[in-house]
C-alpha atoms as a PDB file:
ATOM      1  CA  UNK A   1     -46.265 -18.310   0.783  1.00  0.00           C
ATOM      2  CA  UNK A   2     -43.775 -18.441   3.589  1.00  0.00           C
ATOM      3  CA  UNK A   3     -40.942 -19.610   1.164  1.00  0.00           C
ATOM      4  CA  UNK A   4     -41.667 -16.575  -1.011  1.00  0.00           C
ATOM      5  CA  UNK A   5     -41.469 -14.131   1.917  1.00  0.00           C
ATOM      6  CA  UNK A   6     -38.092 -15.875   3.009  1.00  0.00           C
ATOM      7  CA  UNK A   7     -36.759 -15.563  -0.416  1.00  0.00           C
ATOM      8  CA  UNK A   8     -37.720 -11.873  -0.653  1.00  0.00           C
ATOM      9  CA  UNK A   9     -36.022 -11.389   2.844  1.00  0.00           C
ATOM     10  CA  UNK A  10     -32.711 -13.043   1.606  1.00  0.00           C
ATOM     11  CA  UNK A  11     -32.758 -11.016  -1.720  1.00  0.00           C
ATOM     12  CA  UNK A  12     -33.254  -7.819   0.168  1.00  0.00           C
ATOM     13  CA  UNK A  13     -30.561  -8.716   2.727  1.00  0.00           C
ATOM     14  CA  UNK A  14     -28.160  -9.526  -0.166  1.00  0.00           C
ATOM     15  CA  UNK A  15     -28.839  -6.183  -1.972  1.00  0.00           C
ATOM     16  CA  UNK A  16     -28.584  -4.165   1.317  1.00  0.00           C
ATOM     17  CA  UNK A  17     -25.044  -5.771   2.000  1.00  0.00           C
ATOM     18  CA  UNK A  18     -23.894  -5.144  -1.637  1.00  0.00           C
ATOM     19  CA  UNK A  19     -24.985  -1.544  -1.583  1.00  0.00           C
ATOM     20  CA  UNK A  20     -23.265  -1.309   1.863  1.00  0.00           C
ATOM     21  CA  UNK A  21     -19.734  -2.548   0.615  1.00  0.00           C
ATOM     22  CA  UNK A  22     -19.829  -0.528  -2.386  1.00  0.00           C
ATOM     23  CA  UNK A  23     -20.379   2.656  -0.397  1.00  0.00           C
ATOM     24  CA  UNK A  24     -17.658   1.705   1.854  1.00  0.00           C
ATOM     25  CA  UNK A  25     -15.336   1.250  -1.109  1.00  0.00           C
ATOM     26  CA  UNK A  26     -16.260   4.700  -2.400  1.00  0.00           C
ATOM     27  CA  UNK A  27     -15.713   6.375   0.994  1.00  0.00           C
ATOM     28  CA  UNK A  28     -12.026   4.999   1.098  1.00  0.00           C
ATOM     29  CA  UNK A  29     -11.158   6.298  -2.363  1.00  0.00           C
ATOM     30  CA  UNK A  30     -12.042   9.899  -1.241  1.00  0.00           C
ATOM     31  CA  UNK A  31      -9.110  12.543  -0.781  1.00  0.00           C
ATOM     32  CA  UNK A  32      -8.921  13.731   2.710  1.00  0.00           C
ATOM     33  CA  UNK A  33      -9.303  17.569   2.432  1.00  0.00           C
ATOM     34  CA  UNK A  34      -9.238  18.611   5.907  1.00  0.00           C
ATOM     35  CA  UNK A  35      -6.202  20.508   7.027  1.00  0.00           C
ATOM     36  CA  UNK A  36      -4.761  20.958   3.617  1.00  0.00           C
ATOM     37  CA  UNK A  37      -3.830  24.430   2.412  1.00  0.00           C
ATOM     38  CA  UNK A  38      -5.721  25.826  -0.460  1.00  0.00           C
ATOM     39  CA  UNK A  39      -5.194  28.305  -3.259  1.00  0.00           C
ATOM     40  CA  UNK A  40      -5.883  32.089  -3.174  1.00  0.00           C
ATOM     41  CA  UNK A  41      -9.534  32.587  -4.395  1.00  0.00           C
ATOM     42  CA  UNK A  42     -12.295  35.094  -4.464  1.00  0.00           C
ATOM     43  CA  UNK A  43     -16.304  34.738  -3.970  1.00  0.00           C
ATOM     44  CA  UNK A  44     -18.962  36.944  -3.973  1.00  0.00           C
ATOM     45  CA  UNK A  45     -20.556  37.662  -0.659  1.00  0.00           C
ATOM     46  CA  UNK A  46     -24.318  38.392   0.293  1.00  0.00           C
ATOM     47  CA  UNK A  47     -23.539  41.797   0.735  1.00  0.00           C
ATOM     48  CA  UNK A  48     -22.655  42.411  -3.038  1.00  0.00           C
ATOM     49  CA  UNK A  49     -18.817  42.700  -2.650  1.00  0.00           C
ATOM     50  CA  UNK A  50     -16.025  40.344  -3.585  1.00  0.00           C
ATOM     51  CA  UNK A  51     -14.178  38.281  -0.622  1.00  0.00           C
ATOM     52  CA  UNK A  52     -10.816  37.773  -1.272  1.00  0.00           C
ATOM     53  CA  UNK A  53      -9.545  34.943   1.052  1.00  0.00           C
ATOM     54  CA  UNK A  54      -5.831  35.640   0.927  1.00  0.00           C
ATOM     55  CA  UNK A  55      -6.375  39.266   2.042  1.00  0.00           C
ATOM     56  CA  UNK A  56      -9.277  38.953   4.618  1.00  0.00           C
ATOM     57  CA  UNK A  57      -8.905  35.478   6.071  1.00  0.00           C
ATOM     58  CA  UNK A  58      -5.704  33.548   5.331  1.00  0.00           C
ATOM     59  CA  UNK A  59      -3.771  33.318   8.712  1.00  0.00           C
ATOM     60  CA  UNK A  60      -6.546  35.143  10.754  1.00  0.00           C
ATOM     61  CA  UNK A  61      -9.412  32.794  10.843  1.00  0.00           C
ATOM     62  CA  UNK A  62     -10.297  29.162  10.152  1.00  0.00           C
ATOM     63  CA  UNK A  63     -12.643  28.853   6.875  1.00  0.00           C
ATOM     64  CA  UNK A  64     -15.144  26.101   6.341  1.00  0.00           C
ATOM     65  CA  UNK A  65     -16.539  26.093   2.921  1.00  0.00           C
ATOM     66  CA  UNK A  66     -19.755  24.136   2.401  1.00  0.00           C
ATOM     67  CA  UNK A  67     -21.908  23.405  -0.638  1.00  0.00           C
ATOM     68  CA  UNK A  68     -25.680  22.993  -0.525  1.00  0.00           C
ATOM     69  CA  UNK A  69     -27.039  21.540  -3.971  1.00  0.00           C
ATOM     70  CA  UNK A  70     -30.187  23.558  -4.858  1.00  0.00           C
ATOM     71  CA  UNK A  71     -30.239  25.271  -1.769  1.00  0.00           C
ATOM     72  CA  UNK A  72     -32.684  28.185  -1.836  1.00  0.00           C
ATOM     73  CA  UNK A  73     -34.162  27.319  -5.149  1.00  0.00           C
ATOM     74  CA  UNK A  74     -37.814  26.072  -6.000  1.00  0.00           C
ATOM     75  CA  UNK A  75     -36.396  22.722  -7.094  1.00  0.00           C
END
């Protein structure tokens, strides 16, 4: 009984370590986007009008764009 529990603990530890190593490898591959200039774009606002980044925000404010998958949906 103890040997089986020990083997399961070792297997779980190895699985955790392998997932940890793979997650770090993917994090290193990502391109750093902070501080990079972006192209001009337009997005719809919540007030039913089109917001043009170049005209209304460029050089005046800092812009943070976030993405929430499935936000405000019944998923």
